[in-house]
Amino acid sequence: MADSSAPTRVMMAVNESSLKGYPHPSISCRTAFDWTLSKLVRSNPGGFHFLFLHVQVPDEDGFDDMDSIYASPEDFRQMKQRDKIRGLHLLEYFVNQCHQLGIKCEAWIRHGDPKEVICSEVKRVQPDLLVVGSRGLGPFQRVFVGTVSEFCVKHAECPVITIKRKATEAPQDPVDD
């Protein structure tokens, strides 16, 4: 039986915004975080322990950010270092928010397919709850884009809450976040 005095462990899958020139949390994960704070944590920050997971998707060809297909090993090292820094910057946003509110938290980065990694980390860490943001894509868009949140609802080994971003916050292209 679980210790009822132990804080509720909430894992949150967080990602960067896909909007160009916008190195911040995505609209969906920021909305999910804000909802979790206002609806679950409320005035009981000591009753929660947040676990922030950021999954970095490896670049399939390694050339997205290069001007040339001629690359040196140093180019790849620089790309990996840049990705690591961006991931740490993303996690820093959430950790700082929790610190200001007095909420205990942990944060880490993994690499791979987000839906698979999130479910694997849920199995490893065993949180009480998983919170994921959702872009609220329609059925046609889901066919082409797929959704991490739907996969997690079906496969994560803990309760999952999906939080849709607000319609007023949706960018022109709903696939962006």
N, C-alpha and C. Protein backbone atom coordinates (compact mmCIF):
# COMPACT_ATOMS: atom_id res chain seq x y z
N MET A 1 0.85 -1.19 0.00
CA MET A 1 0.00 0.00 0.00
C MET A 1 0.89 1.24 0.00
N ALA A 2 0.55 2.22 -0.81
CA ALA A 2 1.34 3.44 -0.94
C ALA A 2 1.21 4.30 0.32
N ASP A 3 2.27 5.01 0.61
CA ASP A 3 2.30 5.93 1.74
C ASP A 3 1.45 7.14 1.40
N SER A 4 0.35 7.35 2.13
CA SER A 4 -0.57 8.45 1.82
C SER A 4 0.03 9.82 2.13
N SER A 5 1.11 9.87 2.91
CA SER A 5 1.74 11.16 3.20
C SER A 5 2.80 11.52 2.16
N ALA A 6 3.16 10.58 1.30
CA ALA A 6 4.15 10.85 0.26
C ALA A 6 3.55 11.78 -0.79
N PRO A 7 4.36 12.68 -1.34
CA PRO A 7 3.84 13.56 -2.38
C PRO A 7 3.40 12.78 -3.61
N THR A 8 2.42 13.31 -4.32
CA THR A 8 1.95 12.72 -5.56
C THR A 8 2.99 12.99 -6.64
N ARG A 9 3.46 11.92 -7.26
CA ARG A 9 4.51 12.04 -8.29
C ARG A 9 3.86 12.18 -9.66
N VAL A 10 4.03 13.36 -10.23
CA VAL A 10 3.41 13.69 -11.52
C VAL A 10 4.51 13.81 -12.56
N MET A 11 4.48 12.90 -13.53
CA MET A 11 5.44 13.00 -14.64
C MET A 11 4.81 13.87 -15.72
N MET A 12 5.59 14.79 -16.24
CA MET A 12 5.14 15.63 -17.34
C MET A 12 6.11 15.48 -18.49
N ALA A 13 5.57 15.14 -19.66
CA ALA A 13 6.37 15.08 -20.88
C ALA A 13 6.36 16.49 -21.47
N VAL A 14 7.54 17.07 -21.64
CA VAL A 14 7.61 18.44 -22.14
C VAL A 14 8.45 18.49 -23.41
N ASN A 15 8.09 19.42 -24.28
CA ASN A 15 8.83 19.56 -25.53
C ASN A 15 8.95 21.03 -25.91
N GLU A 16 9.86 21.27 -26.86
CA GLU A 16 10.07 22.63 -27.34
C GLU A 16 8.99 22.98 -28.36
N SER A 17 8.78 24.27 -28.51
CA SER A 17 7.87 24.74 -29.54
C SER A 17 8.45 24.44 -30.91
N SER A 18 7.59 24.11 -31.85
CA SER A 18 8.03 23.84 -33.22
C SER A 18 8.02 25.11 -34.06
N LEU A 19 7.57 26.22 -33.50
CA LEU A 19 7.55 27.47 -34.24
C LEU A 19 8.97 27.97 -34.43
N LYS A 20 9.29 28.40 -35.63
CA LYS A 20 10.64 28.87 -35.94
C LYS A 20 10.98 30.08 -35.07
N GLY A 21 12.21 30.09 -34.57
CA GLY A 21 12.68 31.22 -33.78
C GLY A 21 11.98 31.35 -32.44
N TYR A 22 11.46 30.26 -31.91
CA TYR A 22 10.71 30.29 -30.66
C TYR A 22 11.26 29.23 -29.73
N PRO A 23 12.40 29.51 -29.11
CA PRO A 23 13.04 28.48 -28.25
C PRO A 23 12.43 28.41 -26.85
N HIS A 24 11.18 28.03 -26.79
CA HIS A 24 10.45 27.99 -25.53
C HIS A 24 9.66 26.69 -25.46
N PRO A 25 9.03 26.43 -24.32
CA PRO A 25 8.15 25.26 -24.25
C PRO A 25 7.05 25.37 -25.28
N SER A 26 6.61 24.23 -25.79
CA SER A 26 5.50 24.25 -26.75
C SER A 26 4.25 24.79 -26.06
N ILE A 27 3.33 25.25 -26.87
CA ILE A 27 2.07 25.77 -26.35
C ILE A 27 1.36 24.66 -25.55
N SER A 28 1.35 23.46 -26.10
CA SER A 28 0.64 22.35 -25.47
C SER A 28 1.22 21.97 -24.11
N CYS A 29 2.54 21.86 -24.03
CA CYS A 29 3.10 21.42 -22.73
C CYS A 29 3.03 22.56 -21.71
N ARG A 30 3.14 23.80 -22.15
CA ARG A 30 2.99 24.92 -21.22
C ARG A 30 1.56 24.98 -20.70
N THR A 31 0.57 24.76 -21.59
CA THR A 31 -0.83 24.75 -21.17
C THR A 31 -1.09 23.61 -20.19
N ALA A 32 -0.52 22.42 -20.46
CA ALA A 32 -0.68 21.28 -19.55
C ALA A 32 -0.07 21.57 -18.19
N PHE A 33 1.10 22.19 -18.17
CA PHE A 33 1.77 22.55 -16.92
C PHE A 33 0.92 23.54 -16.13
N ASP A 34 0.46 24.60 -16.80
CA ASP A 34 -0.36 25.61 -16.13
C ASP A 34 -1.65 25.00 -15.58
N TRP A 35 -2.28 24.10 -16.37
CA TRP A 35 -3.50 23.44 -15.91
C TRP A 35 -3.22 22.59 -14.67
N THR A 36 -2.12 21.86 -14.69
CA THR A 36 -1.76 21.00 -13.56
C THR A 36 -1.55 21.84 -12.30
N LEU A 37 -0.88 22.97 -12.46
CA LEU A 37 -0.67 23.84 -11.31
C LEU A 37 -2.00 24.38 -10.76
N SER A 38 -2.86 24.85 -11.66
CA SER A 38 -4.09 25.49 -11.19
C SER A 38 -5.16 24.50 -10.72
N LYS A 39 -5.22 23.32 -11.32
CA LYS A 39 -6.29 22.38 -10.99
C LYS A 39 -5.89 21.27 -10.02
N LEU A 40 -4.62 20.89 -10.02
CA LEU A 40 -4.20 19.81 -9.12
C LEU A 40 -3.41 20.34 -7.93
N VAL A 41 -2.37 21.09 -8.20
CA VAL A 41 -1.49 21.56 -7.12
C VAL A 41 -2.20 22.61 -6.28
N ARG A 42 -2.82 23.57 -6.92
CA ARG A 42 -3.52 24.67 -6.26
C ARG A 42 -2.70 25.26 -5.13
N SER A 43 -3.11 25.08 -3.90
CA SER A 43 -2.39 25.67 -2.77
C SER A 43 -1.64 24.62 -1.95
N ASN A 44 -1.31 23.49 -2.56
CA ASN A 44 -0.63 22.41 -1.86
C ASN A 44 0.66 22.00 -2.58
N PRO A 45 1.61 22.92 -2.74
CA PRO A 45 2.83 22.58 -3.48
C PRO A 45 3.64 21.47 -2.82
N GLY A 46 3.57 21.33 -1.52
CA GLY A 46 4.32 20.29 -0.82
C GLY A 46 3.77 18.89 -1.06
N GLY A 47 2.58 18.82 -1.60
CA GLY A 47 1.95 17.53 -1.83
C GLY A 47 2.28 16.91 -3.18
N PHE A 48 3.18 17.57 -3.94
CA PHE A 48 3.49 17.10 -5.28
C PHE A 48 4.99 17.05 -5.52
N HIS A 49 5.37 16.13 -6.36
CA HIS A 49 6.76 15.99 -6.82
C HIS A 49 6.67 15.82 -8.34
N PHE A 50 7.15 16.83 -9.07
CA PHE A 50 7.06 16.79 -10.53
C PHE A 50 8.29 16.11 -11.12
N LEU A 51 8.05 15.35 -12.17
CA LEU A 51 9.11 14.64 -12.89
C LEU A 51 9.01 15.08 -14.35
N PHE A 52 9.93 15.91 -14.80
CA PHE A 52 9.89 16.45 -16.16
C PHE A 52 10.78 15.63 -17.07
N LEU A 53 10.19 15.14 -18.14
CA LEU A 53 10.91 14.36 -19.13
C LEU A 53 10.85 15.08 -20.47
N HIS A 54 12.02 15.32 -21.04
CA HIS A 54 12.10 15.88 -22.39
C HIS A 54 12.74 14.83 -23.28
N VAL A 55 12.05 14.47 -24.36
CA VAL A 55 12.57 13.47 -25.29
C VAL A 55 13.05 14.19 -26.55
N GLN A 56 14.32 14.04 -26.83
CA GLN A 56 14.87 14.62 -28.05
C GLN A 56 14.85 13.57 -29.14
N VAL A 57 14.29 13.96 -30.27
CA VAL A 57 14.17 13.07 -31.41
C VAL A 57 15.44 13.20 -32.25
N PRO A 58 16.17 12.08 -32.43
CA PRO A 58 17.39 12.17 -33.24
C PRO A 58 17.05 12.55 -34.68
N ASP A 59 17.87 13.42 -35.25
CA ASP A 59 17.72 13.83 -36.64
C ASP A 59 18.08 12.63 -37.51
N GLU A 60 17.15 12.22 -38.37
CA GLU A 60 17.36 11.00 -39.15
C GLU A 60 18.56 11.07 -40.08
N ASP A 61 18.76 12.23 -40.73
CA ASP A 61 19.88 12.29 -41.66
C ASP A 61 21.04 13.13 -41.15
N GLY A 62 20.81 13.89 -40.09
CA GLY A 62 21.89 14.67 -39.50
C GLY A 62 22.22 15.95 -40.24
N PHE A 63 21.44 16.31 -41.26
CA PHE A 63 21.81 17.46 -42.07
C PHE A 63 20.80 18.59 -42.04
N ASP A 64 19.83 18.54 -41.16
CA ASP A 64 18.80 19.58 -41.13
C ASP A 64 19.36 20.99 -40.98
N ASP A 65 20.37 21.16 -40.14
CA ASP A 65 20.85 22.49 -39.85
C ASP A 65 22.16 22.83 -40.53
N MET A 66 22.52 22.09 -41.54
CA MET A 66 23.78 22.34 -42.22
C MET A 66 23.53 22.90 -43.60
N ASP A 67 24.46 23.76 -44.04
CA ASP A 67 24.35 24.36 -45.36
C ASP A 67 24.88 23.44 -46.45
N SER A 68 25.55 22.39 -46.08
CA SER A 68 26.20 21.54 -47.06
C SER A 68 26.07 20.09 -46.64
N ILE A 69 26.13 19.20 -47.60
CA ILE A 69 26.10 17.79 -47.24
C ILE A 69 27.48 17.30 -46.83
N TYR A 70 28.49 18.16 -46.99
CA TYR A 70 29.84 17.79 -46.57
C TYR A 70 29.99 18.18 -45.11
N ALA A 71 30.04 17.20 -44.25
CA ALA A 71 30.08 17.47 -42.82
C ALA A 71 31.30 16.80 -42.20
N SER A 72 31.80 17.46 -41.19
CA SER A 72 32.91 16.89 -40.44
C SER A 72 32.38 16.32 -39.14
N PRO A 73 33.16 15.49 -38.48
CA PRO A 73 32.73 15.01 -37.16
C PRO A 73 32.46 16.16 -36.19
N GLU A 74 33.18 17.26 -36.35
CA GLU A 74 32.98 18.42 -35.49
C GLU A 74 31.58 19.02 -35.70
N ASP A 75 31.09 19.01 -36.95
CA ASP A 75 29.73 19.51 -37.21
C ASP A 75 28.70 18.72 -36.41
N PHE A 76 28.86 17.40 -36.37
CA PHE A 76 27.92 16.57 -35.63
C PHE A 76 28.05 16.79 -34.12
N ARG A 77 29.27 16.95 -33.64
CA ARG A 77 29.45 17.25 -32.21
C ARG A 77 28.77 18.56 -31.84
N GLN A 78 28.92 19.56 -32.72
CA GLN A 78 28.30 20.86 -32.44
C GLN A 78 26.78 20.76 -32.43
N MET A 79 26.20 19.99 -33.36
CA MET A 79 24.75 19.81 -33.38
C MET A 79 24.27 19.12 -32.11
N LYS A 80 24.97 18.09 -31.69
CA LYS A 80 24.57 17.37 -30.47
C LYS A 80 24.67 18.29 -29.26
N GLN A 81 25.72 19.10 -29.20
CA GLN A 81 25.90 20.03 -28.08
C GLN A 81 24.78 21.07 -28.08
N ARG A 82 24.44 21.59 -29.27
CA ARG A 82 23.38 22.58 -29.38
C ARG A 82 22.05 21.99 -28.92
N ASP A 83 21.75 20.75 -29.34
CA ASP A 83 20.51 20.10 -28.94
C ASP A 83 20.46 19.89 -27.43
N LYS A 84 21.58 19.51 -26.85
CA LYS A 84 21.65 19.31 -25.39
C LYS A 84 21.38 20.62 -24.67
N ILE A 85 21.97 21.69 -25.14
CA ILE A 85 21.78 23.01 -24.51
C ILE A 85 20.32 23.43 -24.61
N ARG A 86 19.71 23.24 -25.77
CA ARG A 86 18.30 23.61 -25.94
C ARG A 86 17.41 22.79 -25.01
N GLY A 87 17.70 21.49 -24.88
CA GLY A 87 16.93 20.64 -23.98
C GLY A 87 17.06 21.07 -22.53
N LEU A 88 18.28 21.41 -22.13
CA LEU A 88 18.50 21.88 -20.76
C LEU A 88 17.79 23.20 -20.51
N HIS A 89 17.82 24.08 -21.51
CA HIS A 89 17.13 25.37 -21.39
C HIS A 89 15.64 25.15 -21.20
N LEU A 90 15.07 24.22 -21.95
CA LEU A 90 13.65 23.89 -21.83
C LEU A 90 13.33 23.40 -20.42
N LEU A 91 14.10 22.44 -19.94
CA LEU A 91 13.85 21.90 -18.60
C LEU A 91 14.05 22.96 -17.52
N GLU A 92 15.01 23.85 -17.74
CA GLU A 92 15.27 24.93 -16.78
C GLU A 92 14.02 25.78 -16.56
N TYR A 93 13.27 26.03 -17.62
CA TYR A 93 12.03 26.81 -17.50
C TYR A 93 11.10 26.18 -16.47
N PHE A 94 10.86 24.87 -16.58
CA PHE A 94 9.93 24.19 -15.69
C PHE A 94 10.49 24.05 -14.27
N VAL A 95 11.76 23.74 -14.16
CA VAL A 95 12.39 23.60 -12.85
C VAL A 95 12.34 24.93 -12.10
N ASN A 96 12.62 26.03 -12.80
CA ASN A 96 12.56 27.35 -12.15
C ASN A 96 11.15 27.68 -11.68
N GLN A 97 10.15 27.36 -12.49
CA GLN A 97 8.76 27.60 -12.09
C GLN A 97 8.43 26.82 -10.82
N CYS A 98 8.82 25.56 -10.78
CA CYS A 98 8.56 24.73 -9.59
C CYS A 98 9.29 25.26 -8.37
N HIS A 99 10.53 25.65 -8.56
CA HIS A 99 11.33 26.16 -7.44
C HIS A 99 10.65 27.41 -6.84
N GLN A 100 10.17 28.30 -7.70
CA GLN A 100 9.50 29.51 -7.21
C GLN A 100 8.24 29.19 -6.42
N LEU A 101 7.57 28.09 -6.77
CA LEU A 101 6.33 27.72 -6.11
C LEU A 101 6.53 26.74 -4.95
N GLY A 102 7.76 26.29 -4.74
CA GLY A 102 8.04 25.35 -3.66
C GLY A 102 7.65 23.92 -3.96
N ILE A 103 7.64 23.56 -5.24
CA ILE A 103 7.29 22.20 -5.65
C ILE A 103 8.58 21.43 -5.91
N LYS A 104 8.72 20.26 -5.27
CA LYS A 104 9.89 19.43 -5.54
C LYS A 104 9.82 18.91 -6.97
N CYS A 105 10.97 18.81 -7.62
CA CYS A 105 10.94 18.31 -9.00
C CYS A 105 12.27 17.70 -9.40
N GLU A 106 12.22 16.92 -10.46
CA GLU A 106 13.39 16.35 -11.12
C GLU A 106 13.18 16.55 -12.60
N ALA A 107 14.27 16.54 -13.37
CA ALA A 107 14.14 16.71 -14.82
C ALA A 107 15.27 15.97 -15.50
N TRP A 108 14.95 15.38 -16.66
CA TRP A 108 15.98 14.67 -17.41
C TRP A 108 15.62 14.62 -18.89
N ILE A 109 16.62 14.29 -19.68
CA ILE A 109 16.48 14.20 -21.14
C ILE A 109 16.76 12.77 -21.57
N ARG A 110 15.95 12.28 -22.50
CA ARG A 110 16.18 11.00 -23.15
C ARG A 110 16.11 11.23 -24.66
N HIS A 111 16.59 10.27 -25.41
CA HIS A 111 16.59 10.36 -26.87
C HIS A 111 15.80 9.20 -27.45
N GLY A 112 15.06 9.48 -28.53
CA GLY A 112 14.33 8.43 -29.21
C GLY A 112 12.96 8.89 -29.67
N ASP A 113 12.11 7.93 -29.94
CA ASP A 113 10.74 8.19 -30.35
C ASP A 113 9.96 8.60 -29.09
N PRO A 114 9.42 9.83 -29.06
CA PRO A 114 8.78 10.31 -27.82
C PRO A 114 7.75 9.37 -27.22
N LYS A 115 6.86 8.81 -28.02
CA LYS A 115 5.81 7.98 -27.43
C LYS A 115 6.39 6.72 -26.78
N GLU A 116 7.38 6.13 -27.42
CA GLU A 116 8.01 4.92 -26.86
C GLU A 116 8.82 5.26 -25.61
N VAL A 117 9.58 6.35 -25.68
CA VAL A 117 10.43 6.73 -24.55
C VAL A 117 9.59 7.13 -23.34
N ILE A 118 8.52 7.89 -23.57
CA ILE A 118 7.67 8.30 -22.45
C ILE A 118 7.10 7.08 -21.74
N CYS A 119 6.56 6.15 -22.51
CA CYS A 119 5.98 4.95 -21.88
C CYS A 119 7.05 4.11 -21.18
N SER A 120 8.23 4.04 -21.75
CA SER A 120 9.33 3.31 -21.12
C SER A 120 9.75 3.98 -19.80
N GLU A 121 9.80 5.30 -19.80
CA GLU A 121 10.18 6.03 -18.58
C GLU A 121 9.09 5.93 -17.52
N VAL A 122 7.83 5.90 -17.94
CA VAL A 122 6.74 5.69 -16.98
C VAL A 122 6.92 4.35 -16.29
N LYS A 123 7.24 3.35 -17.08
CA LYS A 123 7.46 2.00 -16.52
C LYS A 123 8.64 2.00 -15.55
N ARG A 124 9.71 2.72 -15.91
CA ARG A 124 10.91 2.76 -15.07
C ARG A 124 10.72 3.57 -13.79
N VAL A 125 10.10 4.75 -13.91
CA VAL A 125 10.00 5.69 -12.79
C VAL A 125 8.75 5.45 -11.94
N GLN A 126 7.72 4.90 -12.53
CA GLN A 126 6.46 4.60 -11.86
C GLN A 126 5.82 5.81 -11.15
N PRO A 127 5.50 6.85 -11.96
CA PRO A 127 4.81 8.00 -11.36
C PRO A 127 3.37 7.64 -11.01
N ASP A 128 2.75 8.48 -10.21
CA ASP A 128 1.34 8.28 -9.88
C ASP A 128 0.44 8.69 -11.05
N LEU A 129 0.96 9.59 -11.87
CA LEU A 129 0.15 10.20 -12.92
C LEU A 129 1.07 10.73 -14.02
N LEU A 130 0.64 10.63 -15.27
CA LEU A 130 1.36 11.21 -16.40
C LEU A 130 0.48 12.31 -16.98
N VAL A 131 1.05 13.49 -17.19
CA VAL A 131 0.33 14.60 -17.81
C VAL A 131 1.04 14.93 -19.12
N VAL A 132 0.26 14.94 -20.20
CA VAL A 132 0.81 15.30 -21.51
C VAL A 132 -0.10 16.34 -22.16
N GLY A 133 0.53 17.24 -22.90
CA GLY A 133 -0.22 18.22 -23.66
C GLY A 133 -0.68 17.61 -24.97
N SER A 134 -1.74 18.16 -25.51
CA SER A 134 -2.27 17.70 -26.79
C SER A 134 -2.58 18.90 -27.66
N ARG A 135 -2.23 18.79 -28.92
CA ARG A 135 -2.51 19.89 -29.85
C ARG A 135 -3.97 19.91 -30.27
N GLY A 136 -4.71 18.85 -30.00
CA GLY A 136 -6.12 18.80 -30.38
C GLY A 136 -6.31 18.69 -31.88
N LEU A 137 -5.46 17.89 -32.53
CA LEU A 137 -5.56 17.73 -33.97
C LEU A 137 -6.83 16.99 -34.35
N GLY A 138 -7.34 17.30 -35.52
CA GLY A 138 -8.51 16.60 -36.05
C GLY A 138 -8.10 15.23 -36.58
N PRO A 139 -9.09 14.40 -36.93
CA PRO A 139 -8.79 13.03 -37.38
C PRO A 139 -7.92 12.99 -38.63
N PHE A 140 -8.12 13.91 -39.56
CA PHE A 140 -7.31 13.93 -40.79
C PHE A 140 -5.85 14.22 -40.47
N GLN A 141 -5.60 15.21 -39.61
CA GLN A 141 -4.22 15.57 -39.24
C GLN A 141 -3.56 14.47 -38.44
N ARG A 142 -4.34 13.78 -37.59
CA ARG A 142 -3.76 12.71 -36.77
C ARG A 142 -3.23 11.58 -37.63
N VAL A 143 -3.89 11.32 -38.77
CA VAL A 143 -3.44 10.25 -39.66
C VAL A 143 -2.02 10.50 -40.13
N PHE A 144 -1.72 11.75 -40.47
CA PHE A 144 -0.40 12.07 -41.01
C PHE A 144 0.62 12.40 -39.94
N VAL A 145 0.19 13.01 -38.86
CA VAL A 145 1.12 13.43 -37.82
C VAL A 145 1.22 12.41 -36.70
N GLY A 146 0.12 11.76 -36.36
CA GLY A 146 0.11 10.85 -35.21
C GLY A 146 0.11 11.67 -33.94
N THR A 147 -0.25 11.05 -32.84
CA THR A 147 -0.21 11.81 -31.59
C THR A 147 0.45 10.99 -30.51
N VAL A 148 1.34 11.65 -29.83
CA VAL A 148 2.03 11.05 -28.69
C VAL A 148 1.03 10.85 -27.56
N SER A 149 0.15 11.82 -27.35
CA SER A 149 -0.78 11.74 -26.23
C SER A 149 -1.72 10.53 -26.36
N GLU A 150 -2.24 10.27 -27.56
CA GLU A 150 -3.11 9.10 -27.75
C GLU A 150 -2.37 7.80 -27.45
N PHE A 151 -1.12 7.72 -27.91
CA PHE A 151 -0.33 6.52 -27.66
C PHE A 151 -0.12 6.32 -26.16
N CYS A 152 0.19 7.41 -25.46
CA CYS A 152 0.44 7.31 -24.02
C CYS A 152 -0.82 6.89 -23.26
N VAL A 153 -1.98 7.41 -23.67
CA VAL A 153 -3.23 7.02 -23.02
C VAL A 153 -3.43 5.52 -23.14
N LYS A 154 -3.10 4.96 -24.29
CA LYS A 154 -3.31 3.53 -24.53
C LYS A 154 -2.24 2.64 -23.90
N HIS A 155 -1.00 3.13 -23.78
CA HIS A 155 0.10 2.25 -23.41
C HIS A 155 0.82 2.55 -22.10
N ALA A 156 0.68 3.75 -21.56
CA ALA A 156 1.39 4.08 -20.32
C ALA A 156 0.82 3.27 -19.16
N GLU A 157 1.70 2.85 -18.26
CA GLU A 157 1.30 2.01 -17.13
C GLU A 157 0.96 2.84 -15.90
N CYS A 158 0.23 3.92 -16.11
CA CYS A 158 -0.28 4.74 -15.02
C CYS A 158 -1.42 5.58 -15.59
N PRO A 159 -2.22 6.21 -14.75
CA PRO A 159 -3.25 7.10 -15.27
C PRO A 159 -2.62 8.24 -16.07
N VAL A 160 -3.30 8.64 -17.15
CA VAL A 160 -2.80 9.70 -18.03
C VAL A 160 -3.87 10.78 -18.17
N ILE A 161 -3.43 12.01 -18.03
CA ILE A 161 -4.31 13.15 -18.29
C ILE A 161 -3.74 13.87 -19.50
N THR A 162 -4.59 14.09 -20.51
CA THR A 162 -4.17 14.88 -21.66
C THR A 162 -4.88 16.23 -21.59
N ILE A 163 -4.11 17.27 -21.82
CA ILE A 163 -4.64 18.62 -21.75
C ILE A 163 -4.50 19.25 -23.13
N LYS A 164 -5.64 19.62 -23.73
CA LYS A 164 -5.60 20.28 -25.04
C LYS A 164 -5.19 21.74 -24.86
N ARG A 165 -4.45 22.22 -25.84
CA ARG A 165 -4.14 23.65 -25.82
C ARG A 165 -5.44 24.41 -26.12
N LYS A 166 -5.47 25.63 -25.68
CA LYS A 166 -6.66 26.47 -25.90
C LYS A 166 -6.77 26.83 -27.37
N ALA A 167 -7.98 26.88 -27.87
CA ALA A 167 -8.21 27.23 -29.28
C ALA A 167 -7.64 28.60 -29.59
N THR A 168 -7.67 29.49 -28.62
CA THR A 168 -7.15 30.85 -28.84
C THR A 168 -5.63 30.87 -28.94
N GLU A 169 -4.97 29.81 -28.50
CA GLU A 169 -3.51 29.75 -28.56
C GLU A 169 -2.99 28.97 -29.76
N ALA A 170 -3.88 28.42 -30.56
CA ALA A 170 -3.45 27.61 -31.70
C ALA A 170 -2.85 28.52 -32.79
N PRO A 171 -1.67 28.15 -33.31
CA PRO A 171 -1.08 28.92 -34.39
C PRO A 171 -1.88 28.70 -35.69
N GLN A 172 -1.52 29.44 -36.75
CA GLN A 172 -2.24 29.30 -38.01
C GLN A 172 -2.25 27.87 -38.50
N ASP A 173 -1.11 27.20 -38.43
CA ASP A 173 -1.05 25.79 -38.82
C ASP A 173 -1.18 24.96 -37.56
N PRO A 174 -2.29 24.22 -37.39
CA PRO A 174 -2.51 23.49 -36.14
C PRO A 174 -1.47 22.43 -35.84
N VAL A 175 -0.68 22.04 -36.84
CA VAL A 175 0.37 21.06 -36.59
C VAL A 175 1.51 21.70 -35.80
N ASP A 176 1.69 23.03 -35.97
CA ASP A 176 2.71 23.73 -35.18
C ASP A 176 2.31 23.75 -33.73
N ASP A 177 3.31 23.91 -32.88
CA ASP A 177 3.03 23.97 -31.45
C ASP A 177 4.12 24.77 -30.80
